[in-house]
Structure formats: structure tokens, C-alpha cells
Amino acid sequence: MCSFCGAPLPSERKPGFNETCESCGKDLHSCRNCRFYKAGARWDCAETIESPVPDKDRRNYCEWFEADPRLSSGTEGRKGERDAAAEARRRLDSLFGG
């Protein structure tokens, strides 16, 4: 599942560097979708990467990337983040008459 929206990731192969989620458009080859992503670890990674990845939601070229097997079961993704973003968009639209 995409860590953001919960849509299924390709199970038969590793997502390509430039591949995006068909449901939400987020990058799939990102730290948040990787089995080695570990918030709080050095540079939020369980592997010995050489430098930090600044944006954990954006595509990166890390050779350690492996799709997180925990994302193969159904999830709501990061629903709280999606709801907050939608609310912010709604408020901006109402403020600017959009």
C-alpha cells in the first residue's frame, strides 16, 4: 500500500525511481514506503546510508530501497495528514473565493 493513501503498491517488483502512486500521485520510491524507514534512527533509516534524505515523501535514488512488506496489507495510509491537507485547501479556497 502507498504509505500516504493506502493504495496497493506493485507487489511483483520494486517501484521504479520515477514511479508514482496511481491513486494519489505521490512518489513510490521514497523513504516512507521503504522497509528500512525508521523514524528516530540515524537519518530515519535502519540501513547505513551515507547521507540524509531531506524529504522522506519524495523520490530518491537510494539503492537500499525495498518496498515495506507492512504496506502489503490494507491500510488507510496517513489519513490524518490527508485530512489536514484537505482542510487547509478548503480554508484557502474559502479565503480566496476559490
PDB file of N, CA and C in Angstrom:
ATOM      1  N   MET A   1       0.832  -1.184   0.000  1.00  0.00           N
ATOM      2  CA  MET A   1       0.000   0.000   0.000  1.00  0.00           C
ATOM      3  C   MET A   1       0.880   1.252   0.000  1.00  0.00           C
ATOM      4  N   CYS A   2       0.443   2.264  -0.661  1.00  0.00           N
ATOM      5  CA  CYS A   2       1.110   3.556  -0.620  1.00  0.00           C
ATOM      6  C   CYS A   2       1.003   4.058   0.817  1.00  0.00           C
ATOM      7  N   SER A   3       2.102   4.494   1.385  1.00  0.00           N
ATOM      8  CA  SER A   3       2.059   4.937   2.782  1.00  0.00           C
ATOM      9  C   SER A   3       1.166   6.158   2.965  1.00  0.00           C
ATOM     10  N   PHE A   4       0.937   6.930   1.906  1.00  0.00           N
ATOM     11  CA  PHE A   4       0.115   8.132   2.034  1.00  0.00           C
ATOM     12  C   PHE A   4      -1.373   7.830   1.905  1.00  0.00           C
ATOM     13  N   CYS A   5      -1.770   7.140   0.825  1.00  0.00           N
ATOM     14  CA  CYS A   5      -3.210   6.944   0.599  1.00  0.00           C
ATOM     15  C   CYS A   5      -3.694   5.529   0.874  1.00  0.00           C
ATOM     16  N   GLY A   6      -2.783   4.558   0.972  1.00  0.00           N
ATOM     17  CA  GLY A   6      -3.178   3.185   1.248  1.00  0.00           C
ATOM     18  C   GLY A   6      -3.425   2.347   0.005  1.00  0.00           C
ATOM     19  N   ALA A   7      -3.216   2.906  -1.194  1.00  0.00           N
ATOM     20  CA  ALA A   7      -3.416   2.147  -2.439  1.00  0.00           C
ATOM     21  C   ALA A   7      -2.335   1.074  -2.577  1.00  0.00           C
ATOM     22  N   PRO A   8      -2.652  -0.046  -3.233  1.00  0.00           N
ATOM     23  CA  PRO A   8      -1.679  -1.135  -3.377  1.00  0.00           C
ATOM     24  C   PRO A   8      -0.430  -0.716  -4.137  1.00  0.00           C
ATOM     25  N   LEU A   9       0.720  -1.159  -3.643  1.00  0.00           N
ATOM     26  CA  LEU A   9       1.981  -0.978  -4.355  1.00  0.00           C
ATOM     27  C   LEU A   9       2.149  -2.155  -5.308  1.00  0.00           C
ATOM     28  N   PRO A  10       2.948  -1.992  -6.357  1.00  0.00           N
ATOM     29  CA  PRO A  10       3.209  -3.142  -7.227  1.00  0.00           C
ATOM     30  C   PRO A  10       3.889  -4.234  -6.399  1.00  0.00           C
ATOM     31  N   SER A  11       3.322  -5.420  -6.347  1.00  0.00           N
ATOM     32  CA  SER A  11       3.872  -6.471  -5.490  1.00  0.00           C
ATOM     33  C   SER A  11       4.889  -7.344  -6.210  1.00  0.00           C
ATOM     34  N   GLU A  12       4.854  -7.363  -7.524  1.00  0.00           N
ATOM     35  CA  GLU A  12       5.719  -8.261  -8.272  1.00  0.00           C
ATOM     36  C   GLU A  12       7.108  -7.686  -8.530  1.00  0.00           C
ATOM     37  N   ARG A  13       7.303  -6.407  -8.208  1.00  0.00           N
ATOM     38  CA  ARG A  13       8.595  -5.768  -8.493  1.00  0.00           C
ATOM     39  C   ARG A  13       8.793  -4.550  -7.598  1.00  0.00           C
ATOM     40  N   LYS A  14      10.021  -4.078  -7.568  1.00  0.00           N
ATOM     41  CA  LYS A  14      10.354  -2.868  -6.825  1.00  0.00           C
ATOM     42  C   LYS A  14       9.898  -1.652  -7.637  1.00  0.00           C
ATOM     43  N   PRO A  15       9.242  -0.675  -7.005  1.00  0.00           N
ATOM     44  CA  PRO A  15       8.837   0.523  -7.756  1.00  0.00           C
ATOM     45  C   PRO A  15      10.044   1.234  -8.354  1.00  0.00           C
ATOM     46  N   GLY A  16       9.886   1.729  -9.562  1.00  0.00           N
ATOM     47  CA  GLY A  16      10.958   2.463 -10.230  1.00  0.00           C
ATOM     48  C   GLY A  16      11.189   3.822  -9.583  1.00  0.00           C
ATOM     49  N   PHE A  17      12.355   4.411  -9.848  1.00  0.00           N
ATOM     50  CA  PHE A  17      12.718   5.696  -9.250  1.00  0.00           C
ATOM     51  C   PHE A  17      11.688   6.787  -9.521  1.00  0.00           C
ATOM     52  N   ASN A  18      11.121   6.791 -10.714  1.00  0.00           N
ATOM     53  CA  ASN A  18      10.195   7.859 -11.101  1.00  0.00           C
ATOM     54  C   ASN A  18       8.735   7.450 -11.022  1.00  0.00           C
ATOM     55  N   GLU A  19       8.451   6.312 -10.438  1.00  0.00           N
ATOM     56  CA  GLU A  19       7.079   5.809 -10.397  1.00  0.00           C
ATOM     57  C   GLU A  19       6.260   6.521  -9.318  1.00  0.00           C
ATOM     58  N   THR A  20       5.014   6.806  -9.647  1.00  0.00           N
ATOM     59  CA  THR A  20       4.115   7.460  -8.690  1.00  0.00           C
ATOM     60  C   THR A  20       2.897   6.577  -8.438  1.00  0.00           C
ATOM     61  N   CYS A  21       2.236   6.826  -7.331  1.00  0.00           N
ATOM     62  CA  CYS A  21       1.029   6.095  -6.961  1.00  0.00           C
ATOM     63  C   CYS A  21      -0.076   6.456  -7.951  1.00  0.00           C
ATOM     64  N   GLU A  22      -0.751   5.445  -8.475  1.00  0.00           N
ATOM     65  CA  GLU A  22      -1.837   5.696  -9.425  1.00  0.00           C
ATOM     66  C   GLU A  22      -3.029   6.372  -8.764  1.00  0.00           C
ATOM     67  N   SER A  23      -3.140   6.233  -7.439  1.00  0.00           N
ATOM     68  CA  SER A  23      -4.284   6.789  -6.724  1.00  0.00           C
ATOM     69  C   SER A  23      -4.076   8.245  -6.308  1.00  0.00           C
ATOM     70  N   CYS A  24      -2.921   8.545  -5.696  1.00  0.00           N
ATOM     71  CA  CYS A  24      -2.724   9.897  -5.139  1.00  0.00           C
ATOM     72  C   CYS A  24      -1.618  10.700  -5.811  1.00  0.00           C
ATOM     73  N   GLY A  25      -0.806  10.056  -6.643  1.00  0.00           N
ATOM     74  CA  GLY A  25       0.255  10.776  -7.345  1.00  0.00           C
ATOM     75  C   GLY A  25       1.539  10.949  -6.553  1.00  0.00           C
ATOM     76  N   LYS A  26       1.610  10.412  -5.356  1.00  0.00           N
ATOM     77  CA  LYS A  26       2.830  10.525  -4.546  1.00  0.00           C
ATOM     78  C   LYS A  26       3.908   9.595  -5.085  1.00  0.00           C
ATOM     79  N   ASP A  27       5.163   9.972  -4.865  1.00  0.00           N
ATOM     80  CA  ASP A  27       6.284   9.145  -5.283  1.00  0.00           C
ATOM     81  C   ASP A  27       6.284   7.829  -4.514  1.00  0.00           C
ATOM     82  N   LEU A  28       6.542   6.715  -5.205  1.00  0.00           N
ATOM     83  CA  LEU A  28       6.570   5.407  -4.551  1.00  0.00           C
ATOM     84  C   LEU A  28       7.966   5.028  -4.059  1.00  0.00           C
ATOM     85  N   HIS A  29       9.001   5.429  -4.799  1.00  0.00           N
ATOM     86  CA  HIS A  29      10.378   5.100  -4.403  1.00  0.00           C
ATOM     87  C   HIS A  29      10.840   6.176  -3.416  1.00  0.00           C
ATOM     88  N   SER A  30      10.239   6.139  -2.224  1.00  0.00           N
ATOM     89  CA  SER A  30      10.520   7.145  -1.200  1.00  0.00           C
ATOM     90  C   SER A  30      10.763   6.462   0.140  1.00  0.00           C
ATOM     91  N   CYS A  31      11.382   7.181   1.038  1.00  0.00           N
ATOM     92  CA  CYS A  31      11.691   6.615   2.357  1.00  0.00           C
ATOM     93  C   CYS A  31      10.447   6.084   3.059  1.00  0.00           C
ATOM     94  N   ARG A  32       9.352   6.808   2.994  1.00  0.00           N
ATOM     95  CA  ARG A  32       8.140   6.407   3.717  1.00  0.00           C
ATOM     96  C   ARG A  32       7.567   5.079   3.238  1.00  0.00           C
ATOM     97  N   ASN A  33       7.906   4.654   2.025  1.00  0.00           N
ATOM     98  CA  ASN A  33       7.435   3.377   1.506  1.00  0.00           C
ATOM     99  C   ASN A  33       8.492   2.275   1.616  1.00  0.00           C
ATOM    100  N   CYS A  34       9.607   2.573   2.240  1.00  0.00           N
ATOM    101  CA  CYS A  34      10.727   1.637   2.312  1.00  0.00           C
ATOM    102  C   CYS A  34      10.706   0.826   3.609  1.00  0.00           C
ATOM    103  N   ARG A  35      11.095  -0.425   3.510  1.00  0.00           N
ATOM    104  CA  ARG A  35      11.129  -1.281   4.702  1.00  0.00           C
ATOM    105  C   ARG A  35      12.176  -0.821   5.710  1.00  0.00           C
ATOM    106  N   PHE A  36      13.167  -0.041   5.286  1.00  0.00           N
ATOM    107  CA  PHE A  36      14.217   0.419   6.181  1.00  0.00           C
ATOM    108  C   PHE A  36      13.906   1.769   6.847  1.00  0.00           C
ATOM    109  N   TYR A  37      12.790   2.390   6.470  1.00  0.00           N
ATOM    110  CA  TYR A  37      12.416   3.663   7.091  1.00  0.00           C
ATOM    111  C   TYR A  37      12.134   3.416   8.572  1.00  0.00           C
ATOM    112  N   LYS A  38      12.816   4.165   9.410  1.00  0.00           N
ATOM    113  CA  LYS A  38      12.657   4.006  10.851  1.00  0.00           C
ATOM    114  C   LYS A  38      12.804   5.379  11.499  1.00  0.00           C
ATOM    115  N   ALA A  39      11.678   6.007  11.757  1.00  0.00           N
ATOM    116  CA  ALA A  39      11.691   7.334  12.377  1.00  0.00           C
ATOM    117  C   ALA A  39      12.444   7.268  13.700  1.00  0.00           C
ATOM    118  N   GLY A  40      13.343   8.194  13.904  1.00  0.00           N
ATOM    119  CA  GLY A  40      14.118   8.249  15.133  1.00  0.00           C
ATOM    120  C   GLY A  40      15.499   7.623  15.020  1.00  0.00           C
ATOM    121  N   ALA A  41      15.698   6.767  14.020  1.00  0.00           N
ATOM    122  CA  ALA A  41      17.022   6.193  13.789  1.00  0.00           C
ATOM    123  C   ALA A  41      17.900   7.263  13.137  1.00  0.00           C
ATOM    124  N   ARG A  42      19.191   7.003  13.039  1.00  0.00           N
ATOM    125  CA  ARG A  42      20.081   7.957  12.374  1.00  0.00           C
ATOM    126  C   ARG A  42      19.560   8.196  10.959  1.00  0.00           C
ATOM    127  N   TRP A  43      19.249   9.424  10.653  1.00  0.00           N
ATOM    128  CA  TRP A  43      18.688   9.858   9.372  1.00  0.00           C
ATOM    129  C   TRP A  43      17.408   9.092   9.025  1.00  0.00           C
ATOM    130  N   ASP A  44      16.708   8.613  10.061  1.00  0.00           N
ATOM    131  CA  ASP A  44      15.426   7.900   9.913  1.00  0.00           C
ATOM    132  C   ASP A  44      15.540   6.654   9.035  1.00  0.00           C
ATOM    133  N   CYS A  45      16.692   5.994   9.084  1.00  0.00           N
ATOM    134  CA  CYS A  45      16.912   4.806   8.257  1.00  0.00           C
ATOM    135  C   CYS A  45      17.602   3.721   9.072  1.00  0.00           C
ATOM    136  N   ALA A  46      17.116   2.488   8.930  1.00  0.00           N
ATOM    137  CA  ALA A  46      17.716   1.347   9.635  1.00  0.00           C
ATOM    138  C   ALA A  46      18.991   0.871   8.937  1.00  0.00           C
ATOM    139  N   GLU A  47      19.242   1.334   7.722  1.00  0.00           N
ATOM    140  CA  GLU A  47      20.460   0.963   6.996  1.00  0.00           C
ATOM    141  C   GLU A  47      21.538   2.011   7.214  1.00  0.00           C
ATOM    142  N   THR A  48      22.730   1.720   6.754  1.00  0.00           N
ATOM    143  CA  THR A  48      23.865   2.625   6.930  1.00  0.00           C
ATOM    144  C   THR A  48      24.036   3.499   5.693  1.00  0.00           C
ATOM    145  N   ILE A  49      23.090   4.398   5.486  1.00  0.00           N
ATOM    146  CA  ILE A  49      23.160   5.287   4.329  1.00  0.00           C
ATOM    147  C   ILE A  49      24.246   6.332   4.558  1.00  0.00           C
ATOM    148  N   GLU A  50      24.803   6.848   3.468  1.00  0.00           N
ATOM    149  CA  GLU A  50      25.936   7.761   3.551  1.00  0.00           C
ATOM    150  C   GLU A  50      25.552   9.200   3.854  1.00  0.00           C
ATOM    151  N   SER A  51      24.328   9.584   3.521  1.00  0.00           N
ATOM    152  CA  SER A  51      23.895  10.956   3.781  1.00  0.00           C
ATOM    153  C   SER A  51      22.384  10.956   3.983  1.00  0.00           C
ATOM    154  N   PRO A  52      21.871  11.970   4.678  1.00  0.00           N
ATOM    155  CA  PRO A  52      20.426  12.008   4.937  1.00  0.00           C
ATOM    156  C   PRO A  52      19.623  12.311   3.673  1.00  0.00           C
ATOM    157  N   VAL A  53      18.415  11.802   3.647  1.00  0.00           N
ATOM    158  CA  VAL A  53      17.464  12.138   2.574  1.00  0.00           C
ATOM    159  C   VAL A  53      16.566  13.220   3.157  1.00  0.00           C
ATOM    160  N   PRO A  54      16.602  14.436   2.602  1.00  0.00           N
ATOM    161  CA  PRO A  54      15.888  15.554   3.218  1.00  0.00           C
ATOM    162  C   PRO A  54      14.366  15.409   3.264  1.00  0.00           C
ATOM    163  N   ASP A  55      13.749  14.913   2.204  1.00  0.00           N
ATOM    164  CA  ASP A  55      12.296  14.806   2.159  1.00  0.00           C
ATOM    165  C   ASP A  55      11.918  13.337   2.044  1.00  0.00           C
ATOM    166  N   LYS A  56      11.389  12.791   3.111  1.00  0.00           N
ATOM    167  CA  LYS A  56      11.088  11.350   3.178  1.00  0.00           C
ATOM    168  C   LYS A  56       9.910  10.940   2.298  1.00  0.00           C
ATOM    169  N   ASP A  57       9.129  11.902   1.795  1.00  0.00           N
ATOM    170  CA  ASP A  57       7.979  11.604   0.947  1.00  0.00           C
ATOM    171  C   ASP A  57       8.288  11.715  -0.541  1.00  0.00           C
ATOM    172  N   ARG A  58       9.448  12.245  -0.892  1.00  0.00           N
ATOM    173  CA  ARG A  58       9.785  12.456  -2.304  1.00  0.00           C
ATOM    174  C   ARG A  58      10.687  11.336  -2.797  1.00  0.00           C
ATOM    175  N   ARG A  59      10.658  11.135  -4.112  1.00  0.00           N
ATOM    176  CA  ARG A  59      11.501  10.098  -4.713  1.00  0.00           C
ATOM    177  C   ARG A  59      12.968  10.356  -4.392  1.00  0.00           C
ATOM    178  N   ASN A  60      13.693   9.270  -4.300  1.00  0.00           N
ATOM    179  CA  ASN A  60      15.127   9.362  -4.079  1.00  0.00           C
ATOM    180  C   ASN A  60      15.796   8.203  -4.811  1.00  0.00           C
ATOM    181  N   TYR A  61      17.095   8.260  -4.887  1.00  0.00           N
ATOM    182  CA  TYR A  61      17.844   7.264  -5.644  1.00  0.00           C
ATOM    183  C   TYR A  61      18.607   6.317  -4.732  1.00  0.00           C
ATOM    184  N   CYS A  62      18.090   6.090  -3.562  1.00  0.00           N
ATOM    185  CA  CYS A  62      18.731   5.203  -2.598  1.00  0.00           C
ATOM    186  C   CYS A  62      18.710   3.767  -3.127  1.00  0.00           C
ATOM    187  N   GLU A  63      19.874   3.156  -3.163  1.00  0.00           N
ATOM    188  CA  GLU A  63      19.986   1.778  -3.643  1.00  0.00           C
ATOM    189  C   GLU A  63      19.492   0.766  -2.612  1.00  0.00           C
ATOM    190  N   TRP A  64      19.338   1.186  -1.357  1.00  0.00           N
ATOM    191  CA  TRP A  64      18.864   0.282  -0.305  1.00  0.00           C
ATOM    192  C   TRP A  64      17.358   0.072  -0.370  1.00  0.00           C
ATOM    193  N   PHE A  65      16.648   0.880  -1.134  1.00  0.00           N
ATOM    194  CA  PHE A  65      15.186   0.852  -1.121  1.00  0.00           C
ATOM    195  C   PHE A  65      14.624  -0.549  -1.370  1.00  0.00           C
ATOM    196  N   GLU A  66      13.702  -0.948  -0.502  1.00  0.00           N
ATOM    197  CA  GLU A  66      12.878  -2.143  -0.684  1.00  0.00           C
ATOM    198  C   GLU A  66      11.488  -1.766  -0.200  1.00  0.00           C
ATOM    199  N   ALA A  67      10.470  -2.133  -0.964  1.00  0.00           N
ATOM    200  CA  ALA A  67       9.094  -1.820  -0.553  1.00  0.00           C
ATOM    201  C   ALA A  67       8.823  -2.447   0.804  1.00  0.00           C
ATOM    202  N   ASP A  68       8.210  -1.685   1.670  1.00  0.00           N
ATOM    203  CA  ASP A  68       7.914  -2.144   3.027  1.00  0.00           C
ATOM    204  C   ASP A  68       6.835  -3.226   2.978  1.00  0.00           C
ATOM    205  N   PRO A  69       7.146  -4.442   3.441  1.00  0.00           N
ATOM    206  CA  PRO A  69       6.143  -5.513   3.401  1.00  0.00           C
ATOM    207  C   PRO A  69       4.915  -5.213   4.261  1.00  0.00           C
ATOM    208  N   ARG A  70       5.061  -4.347   5.265  1.00  0.00           N
ATOM    209  CA  ARG A  70       3.905  -3.977   6.092  1.00  0.00           C
ATOM    210  C   ARG A  70       2.865  -3.216   5.292  1.00  0.00           C
ATOM    211  N   LEU A  71       3.278  -2.652   4.165  1.00  0.00           N
ATOM    212  CA  LEU A  71       2.351  -1.894   3.329  1.00  0.00           C
ATOM    213  C   LEU A  71       1.597  -2.782   2.343  1.00  0.00           C
ATOM    214  N   SER A  72       1.797  -4.098   2.430  1.00  0.00           N
ATOM    215  CA  SER A  72       1.089  -5.001   1.520  1.00  0.00           C
ATOM    216  C   SER A  72      -0.321  -5.313   2.006  1.00  0.00           C
ATOM    217  N   SER A  73      -0.590  -5.048   3.272  1.00  0.00           N
ATOM    218  CA  SER A  73      -1.948  -5.257   3.781  1.00  0.00           C
ATOM    219  C   SER A  73      -2.716  -3.932   3.729  1.00  0.00           C
ATOM    220  N   GLY A  74      -4.016  -4.022   3.761  1.00  0.00           N
ATOM    221  CA  GLY A  74      -4.863  -2.839   3.645  1.00  0.00           C
ATOM    222  C   GLY A  74      -4.661  -1.849   4.778  1.00  0.00           C
ATOM    223  N   THR A  75      -4.520  -0.584   4.426  1.00  0.00           N
ATOM    224  CA  THR A  75      -4.386   0.474   5.421  1.00  0.00           C
ATOM    225  C   THR A  75      -5.161   1.700   4.953  1.00  0.00           C
ATOM    226  N   GLU A  76      -5.297   2.646   5.836  1.00  0.00           N
ATOM    227  CA  GLU A  76      -5.868   3.940   5.457  1.00  0.00           C
ATOM    228  C   GLU A  76      -4.761   4.908   5.067  1.00  0.00           C
ATOM    229  N   GLY A  77      -3.520   4.428   5.064  1.00  0.00           N
ATOM    230  CA  GLY A  77      -2.407   5.312   4.779  1.00  0.00           C
ATOM    231  C   GLY A  77      -2.272   6.340   5.891  1.00  0.00           C
ATOM    232  N   ARG A  78      -1.792   7.513   5.548  1.00  0.00           N
ATOM    233  CA  ARG A  78      -1.637   8.580   6.533  1.00  0.00           C
ATOM    234  C   ARG A  78      -2.868   9.489   6.460  1.00  0.00           C
ATOM    235  N   LYS A  79      -3.991   8.952   6.880  1.00  0.00           N
ATOM    236  CA  LYS A  79      -5.281   9.635   6.793  1.00  0.00           C
ATOM    237  C   LYS A  79      -5.264  10.991   7.482  1.00  0.00           C
ATOM    238  N   GLY A  80      -4.635  11.089   8.631  1.00  0.00           N
ATOM    239  CA  GLY A  80      -4.580  12.353   9.360  1.00  0.00           C
ATOM    240  C   GLY A  80      -3.912  13.450   8.544  1.00  0.00           C
ATOM    241  N   GLU A  81      -2.821  13.106   7.865  1.00  0.00           N
ATOM    242  CA  GLU A  81      -2.127  14.081   7.022  1.00  0.00           C
ATOM    243  C   GLU A  81      -2.998  14.481   5.829  1.00  0.00           C
ATOM    244  N   ARG A  82      -3.670  13.503   5.229  1.00  0.00           N
ATOM    245  CA  ARG A  82      -4.541  13.813   4.089  1.00  0.00           C
ATOM    246  C   ARG A  82      -5.683  14.717   4.518  1.00  0.00           C
ATOM    247  N   ASP A  83      -6.291  14.424   5.667  1.00  0.00           N
ATOM    248  CA  ASP A  83      -7.396  15.239   6.159  1.00  0.00           C
ATOM    249  C   ASP A  83      -6.937  16.665   6.467  1.00  0.00           C
ATOM    250  N   ALA A  84      -5.754  16.795   7.075  1.00  0.00           N
ATOM    251  CA  ALA A  84      -5.238  18.132   7.398  1.00  0.00           C
ATOM    252  C   ALA A  84      -4.965  18.930   6.124  1.00  0.00           C
ATOM    253  N   ALA A  85      -4.404  18.278   5.113  1.00  0.00           N
ATOM    254  CA  ALA A  85      -4.129  18.961   3.846  1.00  0.00           C
ATOM    255  C   ALA A  85      -5.434  19.385   3.169  1.00  0.00           C
ATOM    256  N   ALA A  86      -6.429  18.517   3.196  1.00  0.00           N
ATOM    257  CA  ALA A  86      -7.718  18.844   2.582  1.00  0.00           C
ATOM    258  C   ALA A  86      -8.374  20.020   3.308  1.00  0.00           C
ATOM    259  N   GLU A  87      -8.284  20.029   4.623  1.00  0.00           N
ATOM    260  CA  GLU A  87      -8.856  21.138   5.403  1.00  0.00           C
ATOM    261  C   GLU A  87      -8.131  22.445   5.099  1.00  0.00           C
ATOM    262  N   ALA A  88      -6.817  22.404   4.991  1.00  0.00           N
ATOM    263  CA  ALA A  88      -6.049  23.608   4.660  1.00  0.00           C
ATOM    264  C   ALA A  88      -6.443  24.133   3.285  1.00  0.00           C
ATOM    265  N   ARG A  89      -6.603  23.211   2.309  1.00  0.00           N
ATOM    266  CA  ARG A  89      -7.034  23.623   0.978  1.00  0.00           C
ATOM    267  C   ARG A  89      -8.426  24.243   1.013  1.00  0.00           C
ATOM    268  N   ARG A  90      -9.326  23.642   1.782  1.00  0.00           N
ATOM    269  CA  ARG A  90     -10.689  24.161   1.891  1.00  0.00           C
ATOM    270  C   ARG A  90     -10.673  25.567   2.474  1.00  0.00           C
ATOM    271  N   ARG A  91      -9.870  25.787   3.510  1.00  0.00           N
ATOM    272  CA  ARG A  91      -9.785  27.120   4.127  1.00  0.00           C
ATOM    273  C   ARG A  91      -9.199  28.153   3.172  1.00  0.00           C
ATOM    274  N   LEU A  92      -8.167  27.778   2.426  1.00  0.00           N
ATOM    275  CA  LEU A  92      -7.602  28.707   1.458  1.00  0.00           C
ATOM    276  C   LEU A  92      -8.605  29.052   0.377  1.00  0.00           C
ATOM    277  N   ASP A  93      -9.315  28.032  -0.096  1.00  0.00           N
ATOM    278  CA  ASP A  93     -10.323  28.274  -1.123  1.00  0.00           C
ATOM    279  C   ASP A  93     -11.410  29.219  -0.620  1.00  0.00           C
ATOM    280  N   SER A  94     -11.849  29.042   0.624  1.00  0.00           N
ATOM    281  CA  SER A  94     -12.893  29.916   1.150  1.00  0.00           C
ATOM    282  C   SER A  94     -12.361  31.324   1.392  1.00  0.00           C
ATOM    283  N   LEU A  95     -11.085  31.432   1.755  1.00  0.00           N
ATOM    284  CA  LEU A  95     -10.474  32.735   1.989  1.00  0.00           C
ATOM    285  C   LEU A  95     -10.320  33.517   0.686  1.00  0.00           C
ATOM    286  N   PHE A  96      -9.925  32.825  -0.384  1.00  0.00           N
ATOM    287  CA  PHE A  96      -9.676  33.488  -1.653  1.00  0.00           C
ATOM    288  C   PHE A  96     -10.796  33.298  -2.653  1.00  0.00           C
ATOM    289  N   GLY A  97     -11.917  32.773  -2.215  1.00  0.00           N
ATOM    290  CA  GLY A  97     -13.077  32.637  -3.077  1.00  0.00           C
ATOM    291  C   GLY A  97     -12.922  31.600  -4.179  1.00  0.00           C
ATOM    292  N   GLY A  98     -12.120  30.542  -3.910  1.00  0.00           N
ATOM    293  CA  GLY A  98     -11.852  29.531  -4.937  1.00  0.00           C
ATOM    294  C   GLY A  98     -12.804  28.464  -5.026  1.00  0.00           C
TER     295      GLY A  98
END
